[in-house]
Amino acid sequence: MPKTPAPLYEQIRQLIVAALAAGEWRPGDALPSEPALAERFGASAGTVRRALDELAAENLVERRQGSGTFVSTHSAPGQQFRFLRLVADDEASGFTRELLGCRRMRATAEVARALGLRTAEPVIEVRRLLHRRGRPVVLDELWLPERHFEGLTAEVIAAHAGTLYALFEARFGVHMVRAQEKLRAVSATPEAARLLQVPEGEPLLSVERLACTYGDRPVELRRGLYHTVADHYRNDLN
């Protein structure tokens, strides 16, 4: 049986995503107007609007009343911590960051499998602590394919005032658009206990995240250990 073609709005959505992946519009850029896109794709303005609405629901674009449609960016205030769901019980704001290390290494079999790489392919490992209220609350370890992040060093990270995802956009043209997470309860190892300033064996929340760019291409594997004595993981469900 022949495959049923996707609805026209979905075809247009896919074409816009392909243009984003190709770098035609960068994070923060304004997209052409709906009439201009309609002319480009040979569709009605209503069909283009439906495609843009789908993209907005996926957080790939941002609709601004009276201004148009813009490519989503992790540099925007409301998007900076979109993938970090650790919320303070007392509503304290923000984190300070302490970089523990940034090094080039060969991908382990586990990291390679998650990122779709060959075993021993070069990756960049970043380790850091996130502090709140003057105490460490997150121990982060992440692995990035070197071919997408060539030149990422501790000095580059230290010189950037914003989030890592904003840095990845601005310097390497890699935009994280979607993530999958696995959560489990673990006990603090001796090293984690030392870095998070908690007793060995203290209960921690382990969050493993696989972040993807356009086309569901995985470009980051991240493992975080969260100390939740004064913070909680929040996920808003619709």
C-alpha atoms as a PDB file:
ATOM      1  CA  MET A   1       0.000   0.000   0.000  1.00  0.00           C
ATOM      2  CA  PRO A   2       1.491   3.384  -0.956  1.00  0.00           C
ATOM      3  CA  LYS A   3       2.466   5.621   1.918  1.00  0.00           C
ATOM      4  CA  THR A   4       0.032   8.481   2.545  1.00  0.00           C
ATOM      5  CA  PRO A   5       1.772  11.848   2.053  1.00  0.00           C
ATOM      6  CA  ALA A   6       2.123  13.982   5.163  1.00  0.00           C
ATOM      7  CA  PRO A   7      -0.273  16.948   5.435  1.00  0.00           C
ATOM      8  CA  LEU A   8       1.033  20.068   3.697  1.00  0.00           C
ATOM      9  CA  TYR A   9       1.604  21.926   6.986  1.00  0.00           C
ATOM     10  CA  GLU A  10       3.773  19.024   8.183  1.00  0.00           C
ATOM     11  CA  GLN A  11       5.764  19.056   4.962  1.00  0.00           C
ATOM     12  CA  ILE A  12       6.360  22.783   5.441  1.00  0.00           C
ATOM     13  CA  ARG A  13       7.341  22.200   9.074  1.00  0.00           C
ATOM     14  CA  GLN A  14       9.921  19.663   7.917  1.00  0.00           C
ATOM     15  CA  LEU A  15      11.276  22.038   5.271  1.00  0.00           C
ATOM     16  CA  ILE A  16      11.679  24.812   7.852  1.00  0.00           C
ATOM     17  CA  VAL A  17      13.466  22.425  10.220  1.00  0.00           C
ATOM     18  CA  ALA A  18      15.789  21.418   7.375  1.00  0.00           C
ATOM     19  CA  ALA A  19      16.538  25.093   6.716  1.00  0.00           C
ATOM     20  CA  LEU A  20      17.273  25.620  10.415  1.00  0.00           C
ATOM     21  CA  ALA A  21      19.582  22.600  10.453  1.00  0.00           C
ATOM     22  CA  ALA A  22      21.394  23.971   7.393  1.00  0.00           C
ATOM     23  CA  GLY A  23      21.969  27.285   9.196  1.00  0.00           C
ATOM     24  CA  GLU A  24      19.780  29.402   6.949  1.00  0.00           C
ATOM     25  CA  TRP A  25      18.374  31.051  10.077  1.00  0.00           C
ATOM     26  CA  ARG A  26      20.417  31.047  13.270  1.00  0.00           C
ATOM     27  CA  PRO A  27      19.134  31.077  16.868  1.00  0.00           C
ATOM     28  CA  GLY A  28      17.630  34.487  17.598  1.00  0.00           C
ATOM     29  CA  ASP A  29      17.062  35.338  13.921  1.00  0.00           C
ATOM     30  CA  ALA A  30      13.667  36.449  12.685  1.00  0.00           C
ATOM     31  CA  LEU A  31      12.013  34.137  10.182  1.00  0.00           C
ATOM     32  CA  PRO A  32      10.485  35.646   7.022  1.00  0.00           C
ATOM     33  CA  SER A  33       6.890  36.787   7.348  1.00  0.00           C
ATOM     34  CA  GLU A  34       4.054  34.310   6.908  1.00  0.00           C
ATOM     35  CA  PRO A  35       3.177  35.721   3.441  1.00  0.00           C
ATOM     36  CA  ALA A  36       6.837  35.397   2.386  1.00  0.00           C
ATOM     37  CA  LEU A  37       6.999  31.812   3.614  1.00  0.00           C
ATOM     38  CA  ALA A  38       3.671  31.051   1.941  1.00  0.00           C
ATOM     39  CA  GLU A  39       5.072  32.294  -1.364  1.00  0.00           C
ATOM     40  CA  ARG A  40       8.280  30.325  -0.880  1.00  0.00           C
ATOM     41  CA  PHE A  41       6.473  27.049  -0.200  1.00  0.00           C
ATOM     42  CA  GLY A  42       3.546  27.592  -2.540  1.00  0.00           C
ATOM     43  CA  ALA A  43       0.988  27.313   0.263  1.00  0.00           C
ATOM     44  CA  SER A  44      -1.638  29.443   1.937  1.00  0.00           C
ATOM     45  CA  ALA A  45      -0.765  31.722   4.844  1.00  0.00           C
ATOM     46  CA  GLY A  46      -3.036  29.589   7.044  1.00  0.00           C
ATOM     47  CA  THR A  47      -1.065  26.429   6.228  1.00  0.00           C
ATOM     48  CA  VAL A  48       2.221  28.197   7.005  1.00  0.00           C
ATOM     49  CA  ARG A  49       0.725  29.492  10.252  1.00  0.00           C
ATOM     50  CA  ARG A  50      -0.183  25.932  11.261  1.00  0.00           C
ATOM     51  CA  ALA A  51       3.383  24.788  10.545  1.00  0.00           C
ATOM     52  CA  LEU A  52       4.801  27.637  12.635  1.00  0.00           C
ATOM     53  CA  ASP A  53       2.396  26.842  15.460  1.00  0.00           C
ATOM     54  CA  GLU A  54       3.700  23.253  15.461  1.00  0.00           C
ATOM     55  CA  LEU A  55       7.282  24.516  15.580  1.00  0.00           C
ATOM     56  CA  ALA A  56       6.421  26.874  18.446  1.00  0.00           C
ATOM     57  CA  ALA A  57       4.883  23.975  20.387  1.00  0.00           C
ATOM     58  CA  GLU A  58       8.208  22.146  19.977  1.00  0.00           C
ATOM     59  CA  ASN A  59      10.133  25.232  21.207  1.00  0.00           C
ATOM     60  CA  LEU A  60      11.971  25.447  17.893  1.00  0.00           C
ATOM     61  CA  VAL A  61      10.627  28.926  17.207  1.00  0.00           C
ATOM     62  CA  GLU A  62       9.177  31.690  19.367  1.00  0.00           C
ATOM     63  CA  ARG A  63       6.116  33.706  18.361  1.00  0.00           C
ATOM     64  CA  ARG A  64       6.295  37.343  19.519  1.00  0.00           C
ATOM     65  CA  GLN A  65       3.114  39.351  19.360  1.00  0.00           C
ATOM     66  CA  GLY A  66       3.517  42.209  16.917  1.00  0.00           C
ATOM     67  CA  SER A  67       7.120  41.283  16.097  1.00  0.00           C
ATOM     68  CA  GLY A  68       6.962  38.015  14.161  1.00  0.00           C
ATOM     69  CA  THR A  69       8.472  34.565  14.553  1.00  0.00           C
ATOM     70  CA  PHE A  70      12.029  34.042  15.766  1.00  0.00           C
ATOM     71  CA  VAL A  71      14.316  31.027  16.005  1.00  0.00           C
ATOM     72  CA  SER A  72      14.426  29.928  19.625  1.00  0.00           C
ATOM     73  CA  THR A  73      17.694  30.570  21.437  1.00  0.00           C
ATOM     74  CA  HIS A  74      19.100  29.495  24.780  1.00  0.00           C
ATOM     75  CA  SER A  75      20.374  33.058  25.187  1.00  0.00           C
ATOM     76  CA  ALA A  76      16.830  34.347  25.731  1.00  0.00           C
ATOM     77  CA  PRO A  77      16.000  34.929  29.430  1.00  0.00           C
ATOM     78  CA  GLY A  78      13.067  32.522  29.404  1.00  0.00           C
ATOM     79  CA  GLN A  79      15.046  29.774  27.648  1.00  0.00           C
ATOM     80  CA  GLN A  80      18.361  29.771  29.518  1.00  0.00           C
ATOM     81  CA  PHE A  81      17.470  26.968  31.918  1.00  0.00           C
ATOM     82  CA  ARG A  82      14.778  25.235  29.851  1.00  0.00           C
ATOM     83  CA  PHE A  83      16.457  21.839  30.292  1.00  0.00           C
ATOM     84  CA  LEU A  84      17.473  22.336  33.935  1.00  0.00           C
ATOM     85  CA  ARG A  85      14.483  21.517  36.134  1.00  0.00           C
ATOM     86  CA  LEU A  86      16.050  21.825  39.588  1.00  0.00           C
ATOM     87  CA  VAL A  87      14.039  24.435  41.480  1.00  0.00           C
ATOM     88  CA  ALA A  88      14.848  25.872  44.897  1.00  0.00           C
ATOM     89  CA  ASP A  89      12.291  25.192  47.627  1.00  0.00           C
ATOM     90  CA  ASP A  90      12.683  28.808  48.781  1.00  0.00           C
ATOM     91  CA  GLU A  91      12.540  30.105  45.166  1.00  0.00           C
ATOM     92  CA  ALA A  92      16.134  31.278  45.302  1.00  0.00           C
ATOM     93  CA  SER A  93      17.214  32.258  41.815  1.00  0.00           C
ATOM     94  CA  GLY A  94      20.016  31.111  39.583  1.00  0.00           C
ATOM     95  CA  PHE A  95      23.247  29.220  39.933  1.00  0.00           C
ATOM     96  CA  THR A  96      26.905  30.051  40.008  1.00  0.00           C
ATOM     97  CA  ARG A  97      29.176  27.707  38.102  1.00  0.00           C
ATOM     98  CA  GLU A  98      32.506  26.158  39.010  1.00  0.00           C
ATOM     99  CA  LEU A  99      34.414  24.469  36.203  1.00  0.00           C
ATOM    100  CA  LEU A 100      36.218  21.342  37.385  1.00  0.00           C
ATOM    101  CA  GLY A 101      37.750  20.334  34.084  1.00  0.00           C
ATOM    102  CA  CYS A 102      37.502  20.220  30.306  1.00  0.00           C
ATOM    103  CA  ARG A 103      39.509  17.639  28.386  1.00  0.00           C
ATOM    104  CA  ARG A 104      39.707  15.721  25.151  1.00  0.00           C
ATOM    105  CA  MET A 105      39.296  11.964  25.511  1.00  0.00           C
ATOM    106  CA  ARG A 106      38.312   8.845  23.616  1.00  0.00           C
ATOM    107  CA  ALA A 107      34.651   7.905  23.816  1.00  0.00           C
ATOM    108  CA  THR A 108      33.884   4.906  25.961  1.00  0.00           C
ATOM    109  CA  ALA A 109      31.587   2.290  24.457  1.00  0.00           C
ATOM    110  CA  GLU A 110      28.690   3.667  26.503  1.00  0.00           C
ATOM    111  CA  VAL A 111      29.247   7.291  25.480  1.00  0.00           C
ATOM    112  CA  ALA A 112      29.817   6.314  21.844  1.00  0.00           C
ATOM    113  CA  ARG A 113      26.610   4.294  21.746  1.00  0.00           C
ATOM    114  CA  ALA A 114      24.543   7.155  23.189  1.00  0.00           C
ATOM    115  CA  LEU A 115      26.004   9.738  20.790  1.00  0.00           C
ATOM    116  CA  GLY A 116      26.053   7.517  17.706  1.00  0.00           C
ATOM    117  CA  LEU A 117      29.859   7.547  17.503  1.00  0.00           C
ATOM    118  CA  ARG A 118      32.514   4.931  16.951  1.00  0.00           C
ATOM    119  CA  THR A 119      34.117   3.598  20.105  1.00  0.00           C
ATOM    120  CA  ALA A 120      37.241   5.634  20.905  1.00  0.00           C
ATOM    121  CA  GLU A 121      36.149   8.521  18.651  1.00  0.00           C
ATOM    122  CA  PRO A 122      37.289  11.849  20.168  1.00  0.00           C
ATOM    123  CA  VAL A 123      34.899  13.551  22.559  1.00  0.00           C
ATOM    124  CA  ILE A 124      35.207  16.493  24.927  1.00  0.00           C
ATOM    125  CA  GLU A 125      34.408  15.864  28.572  1.00  0.00           C
ATOM    126  CA  VAL A 126      33.321  18.783  30.768  1.00  0.00           C
ATOM    127  CA  ARG A 127      32.925  18.509  34.543  1.00  0.00           C
ATOM    128  CA  ARG A 128      31.540  21.283  36.709  1.00  0.00           C
ATOM    129  CA  LEU A 129      29.641  22.131  39.875  1.00  0.00           C
ATOM    130  CA  LEU A 130      26.548  24.316  40.069  1.00  0.00           C
ATOM    131  CA  HIS A 131      26.231  26.267  43.324  1.00  0.00           C
ATOM    132  CA  ARG A 132      23.225  27.842  44.980  1.00  0.00           C
ATOM    133  CA  ARG A 133      23.167  29.643  48.328  1.00  0.00           C
ATOM    134  CA  GLY A 134      26.951  29.288  48.365  1.00  0.00           C
ATOM    135  CA  ARG A 135      26.800  25.474  48.346  1.00  0.00           C
ATOM    136  CA  PRO A 136      27.202  22.950  45.515  1.00  0.00           C
ATOM    137  CA  VAL A 137      23.895  21.369  44.486  1.00  0.00           C
ATOM    138  CA  VAL A 138      24.684  19.756  41.091  1.00  0.00           C
ATOM    139  CA  LEU A 139      27.694  17.770  39.927  1.00  0.00           C
ATOM    140  CA  ASP A 140      27.578  17.774  36.121  1.00  0.00           C
ATOM    141  CA  GLU A 141      29.551  15.596  33.710  1.00  0.00           C
ATOM    142  CA  LEU A 142      28.960  15.890  29.986  1.00  0.00           C
ATOM    143  CA  TRP A 143      30.401  14.483  26.794  1.00  0.00           C
ATOM    144  CA  LEU A 144      30.327  16.173  23.382  1.00  0.00           C
ATOM    145  CA  PRO A 145      31.467  14.887  19.950  1.00  0.00           C
ATOM    146  CA  GLU A 146      34.690  16.751  19.245  1.00  0.00           C
ATOM    147  CA  ARG A 147      33.853  17.073  15.549  1.00  0.00           C
ATOM    148  CA  HIS A 148      31.029  19.470  16.475  1.00  0.00           C
ATOM    149  CA  PHE A 149      32.884  21.308  19.261  1.00  0.00           C
ATOM    150  CA  GLU A 150      36.467  21.572  18.045  1.00  0.00           C
ATOM    151  CA  GLY A 151      38.279  24.251  20.027  1.00  0.00           C
ATOM    152  CA  LEU A 152      36.148  23.987  23.173  1.00  0.00           C
ATOM    153  CA  THR A 153      38.496  24.475  26.118  1.00  0.00           C
ATOM    154  CA  ALA A 154      38.321  25.411  29.759  1.00  0.00           C
ATOM    155  CA  GLU A 155      39.403  28.924  28.787  1.00  0.00           C
ATOM    156  CA  VAL A 156      36.552  29.263  26.275  1.00  0.00           C
ATOM    157  CA  ILE A 157      34.019  28.103  28.869  1.00  0.00           C
ATOM    158  CA  ALA A 158      35.422  30.378  31.581  1.00  0.00           C
ATOM    159  CA  ALA A 159      35.258  33.406  29.265  1.00  0.00           C
ATOM    160  CA  HIS A 160      31.558  32.885  28.523  1.00  0.00           C
ATOM    161  CA  ALA A 161      29.159  34.516  30.973  1.00  0.00           C
ATOM    162  CA  GLY A 162      26.010  32.643  29.913  1.00  0.00           C
ATOM    163  CA  THR A 163      24.911  29.027  29.898  1.00  0.00           C
ATOM    164  CA  LEU A 164      26.755  26.252  28.099  1.00  0.00           C
ATOM    165  CA  TYR A 165      23.905  25.844  25.621  1.00  0.00           C
ATOM    166  CA  ALA A 166      24.112  29.540  24.742  1.00  0.00           C
ATOM    167  CA  LEU A 167      27.873  29.106  24.227  1.00  0.00           C
ATOM    168  CA  PHE A 168      27.308  26.077  22.001  1.00  0.00           C
ATOM    169  CA  GLU A 169      24.940  28.152  19.844  1.00  0.00           C
ATOM    170  CA  ALA A 170      27.088  31.250  19.607  1.00  0.00           C
ATOM    171  CA  ARG A 171      30.503  29.661  19.055  1.00  0.00           C
ATOM    172  CA  PHE A 172      29.832  26.274  17.486  1.00  0.00           C
ATOM    173  CA  GLY A 173      26.457  26.720  15.804  1.00  0.00           C
ATOM    174  CA  VAL A 174      24.981  23.763  17.697  1.00  0.00           C
ATOM    175  CA  HIS A 175      21.457  24.371  19.002  1.00  0.00           C
ATOM    176  CA  MET A 176      19.999  21.932  21.524  1.00  0.00           C
ATOM    177  CA  VAL A 177      16.322  21.567  20.655  1.00  0.00           C
ATOM    178  CA  ARG A 178      15.184  18.441  22.486  1.00  0.00           C
ATOM    179  CA  ALA A 179      16.307  16.234  25.357  1.00  0.00           C
ATOM    180  CA  GLN A 180      15.431  12.901  26.923  1.00  0.00           C
ATOM    181  CA  GLU A 181      16.122  12.318  30.601  1.00  0.00           C
ATOM    182  CA  LYS A 182      16.366   9.274  32.854  1.00  0.00           C
ATOM    183  CA  LEU A 183      16.012   9.831  36.596  1.00  0.00           C
ATOM    184  CA  ARG A 184      16.952   7.482  39.421  1.00  0.00           C
ATOM    185  CA  ALA A 185      17.873   7.650  43.104  1.00  0.00           C
ATOM    186  CA  VAL A 186      21.511   6.884  43.933  1.00  0.00           C
ATOM    187  CA  SER A 187      23.875   7.092  46.899  1.00  0.00           C
ATOM    188  CA  ALA A 188      26.774   9.525  46.924  1.00  0.00           C
ATOM    189  CA  THR A 189      30.100   7.939  46.053  1.00  0.00           C
ATOM    190  CA  PRO A 190      33.179   9.137  47.960  1.00  0.00           C
ATOM    191  CA  GLU A 191      34.104  11.549  45.139  1.00  0.00           C
ATOM    192  CA  ALA A 192      30.561  12.885  44.727  1.00  0.00           C
ATOM    193  CA  ALA A 193      30.245  13.289  48.488  1.00  0.00           C
ATOM    194  CA  ARG A 194      33.469  15.293  48.609  1.00  0.00           C
ATOM    195  CA  LEU A 195      32.503  17.584  45.737  1.00  0.00           C
ATOM    196  CA  LEU A 196      28.900  18.115  46.859  1.00  0.00           C
ATOM    197  CA  GLN A 197      29.950  18.456  50.516  1.00  0.00           C
ATOM    198  CA  VAL A 198      27.586  15.747  51.739  1.00  0.00           C
ATOM    199  CA  PRO A 199      28.130  12.524  53.696  1.00  0.00           C
ATOM    200  CA  GLU A 200      29.159   9.464  51.729  1.00  0.00           C
ATOM    201  CA  GLY A 201      26.034   7.481  50.906  1.00  0.00           C
ATOM    202  CA  GLU A 202      23.785  10.576  50.989  1.00  0.00           C
ATOM    203  CA  PRO A 203      20.713  10.146  48.727  1.00  0.00           C
ATOM    204  CA  LEU A 204      21.112  11.995  45.428  1.00  0.00           C
ATOM    205  CA  LEU A 205      18.994  12.325  42.303  1.00  0.00           C
ATOM    206  CA  SER A 206      20.811  11.081  39.214  1.00  0.00           C
ATOM    207  CA  VAL A 207      19.664  12.742  35.961  1.00  0.00           C
ATOM    208  CA  GLU A 208      21.017  11.403  32.669  1.00  0.00           C
ATOM    209  CA  ARG A 209      20.201  13.592  29.680  1.00  0.00           C
ATOM    210  CA  LEU A 210      20.674  12.997  25.981  1.00  0.00           C
ATOM    211  CA  ALA A 211      20.307  16.306  24.131  1.00  0.00           C
ATOM    212  CA  CYS A 212      19.671  16.494  20.395  1.00  0.00           C
ATOM    213  CA  THR A 213      19.928  19.146  17.742  1.00  0.00           C
ATOM    214  CA  TYR A 214      17.769  19.422  14.624  1.00  0.00           C
ATOM    215  CA  GLY A 215      16.830  16.097  13.065  1.00  0.00           C
ATOM    216  CA  ASP A 216      17.019  14.315  16.436  1.00  0.00           C
ATOM    217  CA  ARG A 217      20.803  14.130  16.119  1.00  0.00           C
ATOM    218  CA  PRO A 218      22.346  13.486  19.578  1.00  0.00           C
ATOM    219  CA  VAL A 219      25.143  15.940  20.367  1.00  0.00           C
ATOM    220  CA  GLU A 220      25.440  15.809  24.161  1.00  0.00           C
ATOM    221  CA  LEU A 221      25.330  13.127  26.839  1.00  0.00           C
ATOM    222  CA  ARG A 222      25.085  14.615  30.329  1.00  0.00           C
ATOM    223  CA  ARG A 223      24.966  13.041  33.762  1.00  0.00           C
ATOM    224  CA  GLY A 224      24.088  15.156  36.768  1.00  0.00           C
ATOM    225  CA  LEU A 225      23.965  14.332  40.444  1.00  0.00           C
ATOM    226  CA  TYR A 226      21.467  16.599  42.226  1.00  0.00           C
ATOM    227  CA  HIS A 227      21.466  17.213  45.968  1.00  0.00           C
ATOM    228  CA  THR A 228      17.798  17.867  46.683  1.00  0.00           C
ATOM    229  CA  VAL A 229      17.743  18.636  50.405  1.00  0.00           C
ATOM    230  CA  ALA A 230      16.648  22.233  49.656  1.00  0.00           C
ATOM    231  CA  ASP A 231      15.730  21.893  45.980  1.00  0.00           C
ATOM    232  CA  HIS A 232      13.315  19.778  43.967  1.00  0.00           C
ATOM    233  CA  TYR A 233      12.999  18.540  40.403  1.00  0.00           C
ATOM    234  CA  ARG A 234       9.960  20.093  38.730  1.00  0.00           C
ATOM    235  CA  ASN A 235       8.335  19.005  35.504  1.00  0.00           C
ATOM    236  CA  ASP A 236       5.268  20.893  34.278  1.00  0.00           C
ATOM    237  CA  LEU A 237       2.867  18.552  32.495  1.00  0.00           C
ATOM    238  CA  ASN A 238       0.223  19.658  30.014  1.00  0.00           C
END
